[in-house]
């Protein structure tokens, strides 16, 4: 197959294909049927194209076939699909839709409550619910439309998708993703893994995220493999799905490997068809454990939706490193001075000796890389591109051999389970509690990978926070995303502050849960807090030591 230039070209290459293109639960669509479904929706979109303004279509769906069909519909019709994140709520979700100038919104009944209190996010009559009879009726006149009839002929620079990420201000940013960029990335991935029509790709990461778009959609279009969708990721159903569908390729971001490894181990786990798992931000120890347990190859890399820098880790790379840049020149720079940080030094026991001087921001010093800009946010564009260089916002360091390592996120944002978000919106929710004077939210290291949410609460004098009641309060907040719920809660009568009364979060992060204040925590994912005892602190540090991540906690 020649190198594709657009998502449209990738899709149309399968017009009339008789092989299985998509599976979901007990249903299967051939490639010809997939293209036909996309074409019918493309005709519908063109019929509803706004007379003026951007042709942007918001899609608020789980990983269901309708999402795939809308992707193809946008590719054919020239619309830009806006991936709306269903972990957002109410006014925040409405802000995302309005910020990206969505003329249409496609959603499902299960997500309608997320719009409560959001008002009219799109013009009247421009919201469509795909699991209602009205949707089938609206598509009926367009059945039988051929792909060639609705292919408007976009070029590679056309923006195919806007994918939300998060920034330091708390308002998500919409990354421009052109046809050419996604087609190039997905094609390279498919070619590198040698994917073909005989492969089956298991897509459980959310389709509004770039990982799923590149490694669970575009690579499938390029290779002609079969895509298998699951509405949401399930660790307990992972192996059963792999065997049931004959899955050979699985993509992930964040902690899915950890969750799967936490399921009961069986002696026949490696008896499955899986060949490759590909993603980023997996815990280093889990990469080897997953590969051995399930008899596959795990390839973990570094990258972002923006695409300013990508890295891959070759087989001979040291454990825990990101690898080396795939293109361009990456350096670790001091964000204040712009000077390159010295390499990391370690003692004979592997203790990080100079984190204060070695850790800086990972920067592409040659320019923006594949970054195509944020939509409707020139301030954020200027912040990302400074001095002709691309600043990732990721902290890291390099060792003396030139290997890069990840050291967390910059001061005001967090990354939990592969999702970025800023602290301010979480603080605003916590500050509603009647006993909270001030809330400071910040990232602390996860035992596995990425961050955990910690909140330091300055409580009013005389107040005794009932943590069972606090958990009920959190559960009652409609705009609190599940990933925003603090793992650790520090109860304080005062917080370290500057002379101008700004909270010194760097002090809070350095102390994390090893402080003199009372700290409560959730040992697992349930919304139940218990007091963090000295024995718990010792056990946590031991777990970090076992994972080779104790340096993230400081000297203790």
Protein backbone atom coordinates (compact mmCIF):
# COMPACT_ATOMS: atom_id res chain seq x y z
CA UNK A 1 0.00 0.00 0.00
CA UNK A 2 1.31 3.45 -0.90
CA UNK A 3 1.87 5.92 1.90
CA UNK A 4 -1.56 7.44 2.68
CA UNK A 5 -1.95 11.19 3.00
CA UNK A 6 -5.37 11.39 4.64
CA UNK A 7 -7.66 9.39 6.89
CA UNK A 8 -10.13 9.54 4.02
CA UNK A 9 -7.73 7.69 1.73
CA UNK A 10 -7.12 5.06 4.40
CA UNK A 11 -10.85 4.48 4.78
CA UNK A 12 -11.72 4.45 1.09
CA UNK A 13 -9.05 1.83 0.45
CA UNK A 14 -11.44 -0.64 2.15
CA UNK A 15 -14.54 0.27 0.13
CA UNK A 16 -16.04 -3.06 -0.94
CA UNK A 17 -13.75 -5.10 1.34
CA UNK A 18 -15.18 -8.45 2.36
CA UNK A 19 -13.00 -9.14 5.39
CA UNK A 20 -14.08 -8.36 8.95
CA UNK A 21 -13.47 -4.71 9.72
CA UNK A 22 -15.11 -4.13 13.10
CA UNK A 23 -16.39 -6.22 15.98
CA UNK A 24 -18.34 -5.11 19.02
CA UNK A 25 -19.81 -7.59 21.48
CA UNK A 26 -21.69 -10.10 19.30
CA UNK A 27 -21.79 -8.00 16.11
CA UNK A 28 -19.39 -7.94 13.17
CA UNK A 29 -19.20 -5.54 10.22
CA UNK A 30 -17.22 -6.27 7.06
CA UNK A 31 -15.00 -3.48 5.78
CA UNK A 32 -17.55 -2.78 3.05
CA UNK A 33 -20.26 -2.40 5.69
CA UNK A 34 -18.04 -0.13 7.78
CA UNK A 35 -17.45 2.17 4.81
CA UNK A 36 -21.17 2.15 3.96
CA UNK A 37 -22.12 3.11 7.51
CA UNK A 38 -19.58 5.94 7.41
CA UNK A 39 -20.88 7.16 4.05
CA UNK A 40 -24.49 7.28 5.26
CA UNK A 41 -23.47 9.43 8.21
CA UNK A 42 -21.27 11.61 6.01
CA UNK A 43 -24.31 12.37 3.86
CA UNK A 44 -26.24 13.20 7.02
CA UNK A 45 -23.48 15.54 8.21
CA UNK A 46 -23.28 17.32 4.87
CA UNK A 47 -27.03 17.83 4.99
CA UNK A 48 -26.63 19.46 8.42
CA UNK A 49 -23.43 21.37 7.67
CA UNK A 50 -23.67 24.89 9.12
CA UNK A 51 -24.12 27.72 6.66
CA UNK A 52 -21.22 29.56 8.27
CA UNK A 53 -18.66 28.87 10.94
CA UNK A 54 -16.51 25.79 11.50
CA UNK A 55 -17.80 22.37 10.44
CA UNK A 56 -17.06 20.84 13.85
CA UNK A 57 -18.91 17.77 15.14
CA UNK A 58 -18.74 17.02 18.86
CA UNK A 59 -18.82 13.30 19.66
CA UNK A 60 -19.68 12.34 23.25
CA UNK A 61 -19.71 8.55 23.12
CA UNK A 62 -18.10 5.55 24.75
CA UNK A 63 -16.08 3.10 22.62
CA UNK A 64 -19.03 1.97 20.56
CA UNK A 65 -19.32 1.33 16.81
CA UNK A 66 -21.08 4.65 16.34
CA UNK A 67 -17.83 6.40 17.28
CA UNK A 68 -15.99 4.55 14.49
CA UNK A 69 -18.74 5.39 12.02
CA UNK A 70 -18.63 9.07 12.97
CA UNK A 71 -14.85 9.12 12.51
CA UNK A 72 -15.29 7.83 8.99
CA UNK A 73 -18.18 10.19 8.36
CA UNK A 74 -16.05 13.18 9.31
CA UNK A 75 -13.18 11.90 7.15
CA UNK A 76 -15.43 11.67 4.09
CA UNK A 77 -17.44 14.86 4.63
CA UNK A 78 -14.55 17.12 5.57
CA UNK A 79 -15.91 17.75 9.06
CA UNK A 80 -13.61 18.02 12.08
CA UNK A 81 -14.50 15.60 14.86
CA UNK A 82 -14.20 16.96 18.39
CA UNK A 83 -13.60 14.20 20.90
CA UNK A 84 -15.62 15.22 23.96
CA UNK A 85 -14.32 13.72 27.19
CA UNK A 86 -17.13 12.05 29.19
CA UNK A 87 -15.20 12.40 32.45
CA UNK A 88 -16.00 16.11 32.27
CA UNK A 89 -19.24 17.35 33.82
CA UNK A 90 -21.87 20.06 33.44
CA UNK A 91 -20.48 23.53 32.86
CA UNK A 92 -16.95 22.22 32.28
CA UNK A 93 -18.14 19.87 29.56
CA UNK A 94 -20.23 22.67 28.05
CA UNK A 95 -17.16 24.88 28.01
CA UNK A 96 -15.26 22.27 25.99
CA UNK A 97 -18.01 22.02 23.38
CA UNK A 98 -18.38 25.78 23.06
CA UNK A 99 -14.65 26.40 23.05
CA UNK A 100 -14.28 24.18 19.99
CA UNK A 101 -17.24 25.77 18.17
CA UNK A 102 -19.17 22.53 17.73
CA UNK A 103 -22.04 22.98 15.29
CA UNK A 104 -23.40 19.48 15.97
CA UNK A 105 -23.25 17.11 18.93
CA UNK A 106 -23.63 13.34 18.70
CA UNK A 107 -24.12 11.49 21.97
CA UNK A 108 -25.96 8.59 23.63
CA UNK A 109 -28.60 8.34 26.32
CA UNK A 110 -26.13 7.26 29.01
CA UNK A 111 -24.25 10.55 28.66
CA UNK A 112 -27.19 12.94 28.67
CA UNK A 113 -26.93 13.46 32.48
CA UNK A 114 -23.41 14.84 31.97
CA UNK A 115 -25.02 17.78 30.20
CA UNK A 116 -27.29 18.67 33.12
CA UNK A 117 -26.84 22.33 33.92
CA UNK A 118 -24.84 22.89 30.75
CA UNK A 119 -27.55 24.73 28.85
CA UNK A 120 -27.71 24.61 25.07
CA UNK A 121 -24.18 23.65 24.05
CA UNK A 122 -25.06 23.53 20.35
CA UNK A 123 -27.77 25.28 18.33
CA UNK A 124 -31.36 24.01 18.79
CA UNK A 125 -31.99 20.81 16.89
CA UNK A 126 -28.27 20.10 16.44
CA UNK A 127 -27.89 17.45 19.16
CA UNK A 128 -28.48 13.81 18.17
CA UNK A 129 -28.81 10.73 20.40
CA UNK A 130 -27.61 7.65 18.55
CA UNK A 131 -29.44 4.97 20.56
CA UNK A 132 -32.87 6.45 19.92
CA UNK A 133 -35.24 5.67 17.09
CA UNK A 134 -34.95 9.23 15.79
CA UNK A 135 -31.32 8.62 14.86
CA UNK A 136 -32.10 5.56 12.77
CA UNK A 137 -34.89 7.48 11.09
CA UNK A 138 -32.58 10.40 10.32
CA UNK A 139 -30.04 8.07 8.68
CA UNK A 140 -32.59 6.07 6.71
CA UNK A 141 -32.75 8.46 3.70
CA UNK A 142 -28.98 8.26 3.33
CA UNK A 143 -28.65 4.48 3.27
CA UNK A 144 -27.05 3.31 0.06
CA UNK A 145 -24.95 6.44 -0.34
CA UNK A 146 -21.56 5.49 -1.73
CA UNK A 147 -18.30 6.76 -0.28
CA UNK A 148 -17.40 8.42 -3.57
CA UNK A 149 -20.60 10.49 -3.44
CA UNK A 150 -19.71 12.13 -0.12
CA UNK A 151 -15.92 12.32 -0.38
CA UNK A 152 -15.26 16.06 -0.48
CA UNK A 153 -11.55 15.60 -1.14
CA UNK A 154 -9.72 16.97 1.89
CA UNK A 155 -5.96 17.48 1.81
CA UNK A 156 -3.42 16.27 4.40
CA UNK A 157 -3.32 19.63 6.19
CA UNK A 158 -7.06 19.58 6.90
CA UNK A 159 -7.80 19.24 10.63
CA UNK A 160 -9.43 15.85 11.08
CA UNK A 161 -9.84 15.94 14.84
CA UNK A 162 -9.55 18.14 17.91
CA UNK A 163 -8.35 16.15 20.90
CA UNK A 164 -8.51 17.70 24.35
CA UNK A 165 -5.59 17.75 26.68
CA UNK A 166 -5.12 19.79 29.87
CA UNK A 167 -2.93 22.76 30.72
CA UNK A 168 -1.72 24.64 33.73
CA UNK A 169 -4.72 26.99 33.87
CA UNK A 170 -7.25 24.24 34.44
CA UNK A 171 -9.04 24.71 31.10
CA UNK A 172 -8.39 21.85 28.66
CA UNK A 173 -6.72 22.70 25.37
CA UNK A 174 -7.85 21.29 22.04
CA UNK A 175 -4.95 19.94 19.99
CA UNK A 176 -5.21 20.19 16.22
CA UNK A 177 -4.72 16.78 14.61
CA UNK A 178 -4.53 16.94 10.82
CA UNK A 179 -5.33 14.11 8.43
CA UNK A 180 -1.67 13.94 7.45
CA UNK A 181 -0.40 13.74 11.01
CA UNK A 182 -2.74 10.95 12.11
CA UNK A 183 -2.36 9.03 8.85
CA UNK A 184 1.43 9.23 9.11
CA UNK A 185 1.53 8.15 12.76
CA UNK A 186 -0.94 5.29 12.35
CA UNK A 187 0.72 4.05 9.19
CA UNK A 188 4.17 4.07 10.78
CA UNK A 189 2.84 2.11 13.74
CA UNK A 190 1.12 -0.48 11.57
CA UNK A 191 4.20 -0.89 9.39
CA UNK A 192 6.60 -1.11 12.34
CA UNK A 193 4.57 -3.95 13.87
CA UNK A 194 3.93 -5.62 10.54
CA UNK A 195 0.15 -5.52 11.02
CA UNK A 196 -1.91 -7.11 8.25
CA UNK A 197 -5.52 -8.15 7.56
CA UNK A 198 -4.89 -11.30 9.58
CA UNK A 199 -4.37 -9.26 12.77
CA UNK A 200 -7.00 -8.33 15.33
CA UNK A 201 -6.54 -5.06 17.25
CA UNK A 202 -8.24 -4.68 20.63
CA UNK A 203 -9.24 -1.06 21.30
CA UNK A 204 -10.37 -0.33 24.85
CA UNK A 205 -8.69 3.03 25.41
CA UNK A 206 -11.12 5.94 24.92
CA UNK A 207 -11.43 7.00 21.30
CA UNK A 208 -11.37 10.68 22.26
CA UNK A 209 -7.71 10.12 23.24
CA UNK A 210 -4.78 10.20 20.81
CA UNK A 211 -3.45 6.81 21.92
CA UNK A 212 -6.62 5.10 20.71
CA UNK A 213 -6.75 7.15 17.53
CA UNK A 214 -3.23 6.18 16.49
CA UNK A 215 -2.93 2.67 17.96
CA UNK A 216 -6.55 1.53 17.94
CA UNK A 217 -8.03 3.15 14.84
CA UNK A 218 -5.68 4.63 12.25
CA UNK A 219 -3.30 1.67 12.40
CA UNK A 220 -6.28 -0.61 11.78
CA UNK A 221 -7.28 1.41 8.72
CA UNK A 222 -3.74 1.26 7.38
CA UNK A 223 -3.31 -2.49 7.83
CA UNK A 224 -6.81 -3.72 7.10
CA UNK A 225 -6.78 -5.60 10.40
CA UNK A 226 -9.97 -6.23 12.36
CA UNK A 227 -10.78 -3.69 15.05
CA UNK A 228 -12.42 -4.93 18.24
CA UNK A 229 -14.13 -2.36 20.46
CA UNK A 230 -15.10 -2.66 24.10
CA UNK A 231 -17.26 0.08 25.58
CA UNK A 232 -14.87 0.52 28.50
CA UNK A 233 -11.67 -1.11 29.67
CA UNK A 234 -12.13 -4.12 31.94
CA UNK A 235 -9.10 -5.81 33.48
CA UNK A 236 -11.13 -8.86 34.53
CA UNK A 237 -12.44 -9.41 30.99
CA UNK A 238 -9.17 -8.70 29.18
CA UNK A 239 -7.90 -12.25 28.65
CA UNK A 240 -11.35 -13.62 27.85
CA UNK A 241 -11.76 -10.96 25.16
CA UNK A 242 -8.31 -11.68 23.73
CA UNK A 243 -9.16 -15.35 23.37
CA UNK A 244 -12.72 -14.82 22.19
CA UNK A 245 -11.79 -12.42 19.38
CA UNK A 246 -8.33 -13.77 18.55
CA UNK A 247 -6.66 -10.49 19.53
CA UNK A 248 -3.05 -10.08 18.35
CA UNK A 249 -2.46 -6.38 19.15
CA UNK A 250 -3.50 -4.36 22.21
CA UNK A 251 -2.90 -0.65 22.89
CA UNK A 252 -2.87 1.04 26.29
CA UNK A 253 -1.95 4.25 28.06
CA UNK A 254 -1.29 4.61 31.77
CA UNK A 255 -2.06 1.74 34.16
CA UNK A 256 -4.02 -0.94 32.27
CA UNK A 257 -1.10 -3.37 32.45
CA UNK A 258 -1.00 -2.92 36.21
CA UNK A 259 -4.72 -3.57 36.55
CA UNK A 260 -4.59 -6.66 34.34
CA UNK A 261 -1.63 -8.04 36.27
CA UNK A 262 -3.64 -7.60 39.47
CA UNK A 263 -6.18 -10.19 38.28
CA UNK A 264 -5.71 -13.78 39.53
CA UNK A 265 -2.88 -15.50 37.70
CA UNK A 266 -3.52 -18.83 36.01
CA UNK A 267 -0.98 -21.31 34.63
CA UNK A 268 -2.42 -21.05 31.10
CA UNK A 269 -2.38 -17.22 30.84
CA UNK A 270 0.20 -17.36 28.05
CA UNK A 271 -2.07 -19.62 26.01
CA UNK A 272 -3.53 -16.81 23.93
CA UNK A 273 -3.04 -15.24 20.47
CA UNK A 274 -1.71 -11.86 21.69
CA UNK A 275 1.56 -10.87 20.00
CA UNK A 276 2.04 -7.19 20.89
CA UNK A 277 1.02 -4.67 23.54
CA UNK A 278 1.88 -1.08 22.65
CA UNK A 279 1.47 2.10 24.67
CA UNK A 280 3.12 4.50 27.05
CA UNK A 281 3.55 5.22 30.74
CA UNK A 282 3.48 1.60 31.88
CA UNK A 283 5.39 0.86 35.07
CA UNK A 284 8.81 -0.54 34.09
CA UNK A 285 8.45 -3.70 36.17
CA UNK A 286 5.00 -4.34 34.73
CA UNK A 287 6.33 -4.31 31.18
CA UNK A 288 8.43 -7.42 31.81
CA UNK A 289 5.83 -9.07 34.02
CA UNK A 290 3.08 -8.59 31.43
CA UNK A 291 5.26 -9.89 28.60
CA UNK A 292 6.22 -13.01 30.54
CA UNK A 293 2.77 -13.77 31.90
CA UNK A 294 0.90 -13.38 28.60
CA UNK A 295 3.63 -14.50 26.22
CA UNK A 296 3.81 -11.32 24.14
CA UNK A 297 6.10 -8.39 23.35
CA UNK A 298 5.42 -5.10 25.16
CA UNK A 299 6.63 -1.89 23.52
CA UNK A 300 6.34 1.16 25.75
CA UNK A 301 7.21 4.62 24.44
CA UNK A 302 6.92 8.31 25.24
CA UNK A 303 4.82 10.85 23.42
CA UNK A 304 1.87 13.19 23.65
CA UNK A 305 -1.09 14.30 21.62
CA UNK A 306 0.81 17.43 20.66
CA UNK A 307 3.64 15.38 19.17
CA UNK A 308 6.43 17.80 19.95
CA UNK A 309 8.70 14.94 21.01
CA UNK A 310 8.35 11.17 20.80
CA UNK A 311 10.74 8.60 22.19
CA UNK A 312 11.09 4.86 21.91
CA UNK A 313 12.88 2.45 24.18
CA UNK A 314 15.08 -0.11 22.40
CA UNK A 315 15.59 -3.56 23.92
CA UNK A 316 19.00 -2.65 25.34
CA UNK A 317 17.72 0.45 27.18
CA UNK A 318 18.12 0.54 30.97
CA UNK A 319 14.99 -0.20 33.04
CA UNK A 320 12.67 2.71 33.68
CA UNK A 321 13.98 5.03 31.00
CA UNK A 322 11.93 6.69 28.27
CA UNK A 323 14.54 5.90 25.65
CA UNK A 324 15.88 8.36 23.13
CA UNK A 325 14.12 10.81 20.77
CA UNK A 326 12.81 9.38 17.52
CA UNK A 327 13.53 12.63 15.73
CA UNK A 328 14.83 16.10 16.48
CA UNK A 329 17.03 17.09 19.37
CA UNK A 330 15.63 16.80 22.87
CA UNK A 331 17.32 18.31 25.89
CA UNK A 332 16.51 18.80 29.54
CA UNK A 333 16.47 22.53 30.23
CA UNK A 334 16.07 24.58 33.37
CA UNK A 335 12.67 26.27 32.87
CA UNK A 336 13.90 29.45 34.55
CA UNK A 337 17.27 29.94 32.88
CA UNK A 338 16.83 27.97 29.67
CA UNK A 339 20.21 26.34 30.28
CA UNK A 340 20.75 22.62 29.84
CA UNK A 341 20.66 20.65 33.08
CA UNK A 342 23.66 18.48 33.95
CA UNK A 343 23.28 14.71 33.69
CA UNK A 344 21.92 12.73 36.60
CA UNK A 345 24.42 11.14 38.98
CA UNK A 346 23.81 8.05 41.10
CA UNK A 347 25.71 6.41 43.92
CA UNK A 348 26.67 2.74 44.11
CA UNK A 349 23.23 1.91 45.51
CA UNK A 350 21.42 3.66 42.67
CA UNK A 351 20.34 6.67 44.77
CA UNK A 352 19.73 9.81 42.71
CA UNK A 353 22.36 12.26 43.99
CA UNK A 354 21.52 15.49 42.17
CA UNK A 355 17.79 15.69 41.39
CA UNK A 356 17.65 19.43 42.16
CA UNK A 357 20.06 20.28 39.34
CA UNK A 358 19.46 17.38 36.96
CA UNK A 359 15.68 17.54 36.68
CA UNK A 360 14.30 20.07 34.24
CA UNK A 361 11.77 20.32 31.44
CA UNK A 362 12.07 18.09 28.37
CA UNK A 363 12.38 20.36 25.35
CA UNK A 364 12.64 19.87 21.59
CA UNK A 365 15.29 22.45 20.81
CA UNK A 366 14.79 22.15 17.04
CA UNK A 367 11.19 23.38 17.00
CA UNK A 368 7.60 22.19 17.25
CA UNK A 369 8.07 18.68 15.87
CA UNK A 370 4.63 17.37 14.88
CA UNK A 371 2.79 19.94 17.04
CA UNK A 372 0.19 21.71 14.90
CA UNK A 373 -1.11 24.10 17.53
CA UNK A 374 -4.05 24.40 19.89
CA UNK A 375 -7.43 25.46 18.61
CA UNK A 376 -8.65 28.89 19.69
CA UNK A 377 -5.85 29.36 22.24
CA UNK A 378 -2.97 31.54 21.09
CA UNK A 379 -1.79 32.07 24.65
CA UNK A 380 -1.26 28.34 25.09
CA UNK A 381 0.49 28.13 21.72
CA UNK A 382 2.90 30.84 22.78
CA UNK A 383 3.58 29.08 26.08
CA UNK A 384 4.31 25.77 24.36
CA UNK A 385 6.59 27.34 21.72
CA UNK A 386 9.14 29.62 23.29
CA UNK A 387 12.40 30.75 21.78
CA UNK A 388 11.84 28.62 18.69
CA UNK A 389 11.68 25.48 20.87
CA UNK A 390 8.89 23.13 21.94
CA UNK A 391 8.50 22.90 25.72
CA UNK A 392 6.69 19.70 26.69
CA UNK A 393 5.66 20.62 30.22
CA UNK A 394 7.12 17.27 31.27
CA UNK A 395 9.88 17.05 33.81
CA UNK A 396 12.73 14.67 33.21
CA UNK A 397 16.45 14.06 33.37
CA UNK A 398 19.17 12.35 31.36
CA UNK A 399 21.83 10.01 32.60
CA UNK A 400 25.45 10.20 31.50
CA UNK A 401 24.78 7.77 28.65
CA UNK A 402 22.07 10.04 27.23
CA UNK A 403 19.00 8.01 28.21
CA UNK A 404 15.98 10.12 29.13
CA UNK A 405 13.85 9.52 32.22
CA UNK A 406 10.47 10.91 33.22
CA UNK A 407 10.28 12.81 36.51
CA UNK A 408 6.67 13.95 36.63
CA UNK A 409 4.69 16.95 35.48
CA UNK A 410 5.23 20.61 36.05
CA UNK A 411 3.91 22.22 39.18
CA UNK A 412 0.27 22.86 38.45
CA UNK A 413 -0.96 19.83 36.59
CA UNK A 414 -1.26 16.13 37.16
CA UNK A 415 -1.38 12.98 35.07
CA UNK A 416 -3.45 10.13 36.45
CA UNK A 417 -4.13 6.94 34.48
CA UNK A 418 -2.89 8.58 31.31
CA UNK A 419 -5.06 11.69 31.61
CA UNK A 420 -3.76 15.22 32.21
CA UNK A 421 -5.68 17.71 34.29
CA UNK A 422 -4.95 20.87 36.21
CA UNK A 423 -5.24 21.35 39.95
CA UNK A 424 -7.43 24.46 40.01
CA UNK A 425 -10.76 22.84 39.07
CA UNK A 426 -10.27 20.15 41.72
CA UNK A 427 -9.43 22.80 44.31
CA UNK A 428 -12.58 24.68 43.44
CA UNK A 429 -14.67 21.59 44.17
CA UNK A 430 -12.94 20.78 47.47
CA UNK A 431 -13.28 24.38 48.63
CA UNK A 432 -17.07 23.93 48.71
CA UNK A 433 -16.80 21.80 51.82
CA UNK A 434 -18.02 23.89 54.75
CA UNK A 435 -14.98 23.10 56.92
CA UNK A 436 -12.37 23.86 54.24
CA UNK A 437 -10.76 27.28 54.27
CA UNK A 438 -8.29 26.57 51.49
CA UNK A 439 -7.56 23.53 49.35
CA UNK A 440 -4.24 22.86 47.62
CA UNK A 441 -4.16 20.03 45.11
CA UNK A 442 -0.90 18.66 43.73
CA UNK A 443 0.71 15.61 42.25
CA UNK A 444 2.55 13.04 44.30
CA UNK A 445 4.22 9.99 42.76
CA UNK A 446 2.28 6.83 42.13
CA UNK A 447 3.84 3.56 43.18
CA UNK A 448 3.31 2.27 39.65
CA UNK A 449 3.57 5.11 37.14
CA UNK A 450 2.52 8.73 36.76
CA UNK A 451 0.85 10.67 39.53
CA UNK A 452 -1.65 10.35 42.34
CA UNK A 453 -3.84 13.22 43.54
CA UNK A 454 -3.06 14.64 46.96
CA UNK A 455 -5.02 17.43 48.61
CA UNK A 456 -3.87 19.53 51.54
CA UNK A 457 -6.89 21.03 53.29
CA UNK A 458 -6.56 24.07 55.50
CA UNK A 459 -9.57 23.54 57.75
CA UNK A 460 -11.31 26.16 59.86
CA UNK A 461 -10.34 26.48 63.49
CA UNK A 462 -12.14 24.04 65.72
CA UNK A 463 -13.30 21.86 62.84
CA UNK A 464 -12.84 18.11 62.86
CA UNK A 465 -13.22 16.72 59.39
CA UNK A 466 -15.32 13.54 59.32
CA UNK A 467 -13.67 11.58 56.51
CA UNK A 468 -16.70 9.35 55.96
CA UNK A 469 -18.72 12.50 55.51
CA UNK A 470 -15.99 13.97 53.33
CA UNK A 471 -16.20 10.92 51.05
CA UNK A 472 -19.98 11.40 50.81
CA UNK A 473 -19.40 15.05 49.97
CA UNK A 474 -17.04 14.08 47.13
CA UNK A 475 -19.49 11.52 45.76
CA UNK A 476 -22.21 14.19 45.69
CA UNK A 477 -20.22 16.67 43.57
CA UNK A 478 -21.52 16.34 40.00
CA UNK A 479 -18.51 18.05 38.40
CA UNK A 480 -15.84 15.99 40.16
CA UNK A 481 -14.33 13.63 37.62
CA UNK A 482 -13.53 10.18 39.04
CA UNK A 483 -9.84 10.70 38.33
CA UNK A 484 -9.84 13.94 40.34
CA UNK A 485 -10.76 12.26 43.63
CA UNK A 486 -7.77 12.61 46.00
CA UNK A 487 -5.87 9.48 46.91
CA UNK A 488 -4.32 11.28 49.91
CA UNK A 489 -5.82 14.04 52.06
CA UNK A 490 -3.65 16.09 54.40
CA UNK A 491 -5.51 17.92 57.17
CA UNK A 492 -3.74 21.11 58.24
CA UNK A 493 -4.39 24.19 60.33
CA UNK A 494 -2.15 26.19 58.01
CA UNK A 495 -0.30 25.63 54.76
CA UNK A 496 3.23 26.74 53.84
CA UNK A 497 2.87 30.06 52.05
CA UNK A 498 4.85 32.89 50.51
CA UNK A 499 4.78 36.42 51.82
CA UNK A 500 1.96 37.12 49.41
CA UNK A 501 -0.04 34.17 50.77
CA UNK A 502 0.49 31.89 47.81
CA UNK A 503 0.70 28.25 48.82
CA UNK A 504 4.15 26.73 48.37
CA UNK A 505 3.17 23.57 46.56
CA UNK A 506 6.77 22.58 46.02
CA UNK A 507 7.02 22.15 49.82
CA UNK A 508 3.82 20.11 49.91
CA UNK A 509 5.00 17.91 47.06
CA UNK A 510 8.37 17.35 48.70
CA UNK A 511 6.76 16.32 52.00
CA UNK A 512 3.96 14.32 50.30
CA UNK A 513 2.42 12.02 52.94
CA UNK A 514 5.59 11.88 55.05
CA UNK A 515 4.70 14.97 57.07
CA UNK A 516 3.70 15.85 60.62
CA UNK A 517 0.07 16.60 59.71
CA UNK A 518 -2.67 14.02 59.84
CA UNK A 519 -2.99 12.25 56.47
CA UNK A 520 -5.86 10.09 55.30
CA UNK A 521 -5.71 7.85 52.24
CA UNK A 522 -7.60 5.45 50.01
CA UNK A 523 -5.50 2.26 49.79
CA UNK A 524 -7.54 1.09 46.79
CA UNK A 525 -9.98 2.57 44.30
CA UNK A 526 -12.97 2.56 46.66
CA UNK A 527 -14.10 5.91 48.03
CA UNK A 528 -13.26 5.07 51.63
CA UNK A 529 -10.54 6.87 53.60
CA UNK A 530 -8.60 5.62 56.56
CA UNK A 531 -5.83 7.19 58.59
CA UNK A 532 -2.35 6.70 57.19
CA UNK A 533 -0.43 5.08 60.03
CA UNK A 534 3.39 4.94 60.41
CA UNK A 535 3.35 1.32 59.30
CA UNK A 536 1.49 2.34 56.14
CA UNK A 537 4.15 4.95 55.37
CA UNK A 538 6.90 2.38 55.77
CA UNK A 539 5.06 -0.09 53.55
CA UNK A 540 4.54 2.58 50.87
CA UNK A 541 8.22 3.48 50.84
CA UNK A 542 9.11 -0.20 50.60
CA UNK A 543 6.80 -0.59 47.60
CA UNK A 544 8.46 2.41 45.93
CA UNK A 545 11.84 0.85 46.64
CA UNK A 546 10.76 -2.45 45.06
CA UNK A 547 9.60 -0.56 41.96
CA UNK A 548 12.86 1.38 41.68
CA UNK A 549 11.01 4.66 42.29
CA UNK A 550 12.10 5.54 45.81
CA UNK A 551 14.13 8.50 44.54
CA UNK A 552 10.83 10.22 43.71
CA UNK A 553 10.09 10.39 47.44
CA UNK A 554 13.32 12.09 48.46
CA UNK A 555 15.59 10.87 51.19
CA UNK A 556 12.90 10.29 53.81
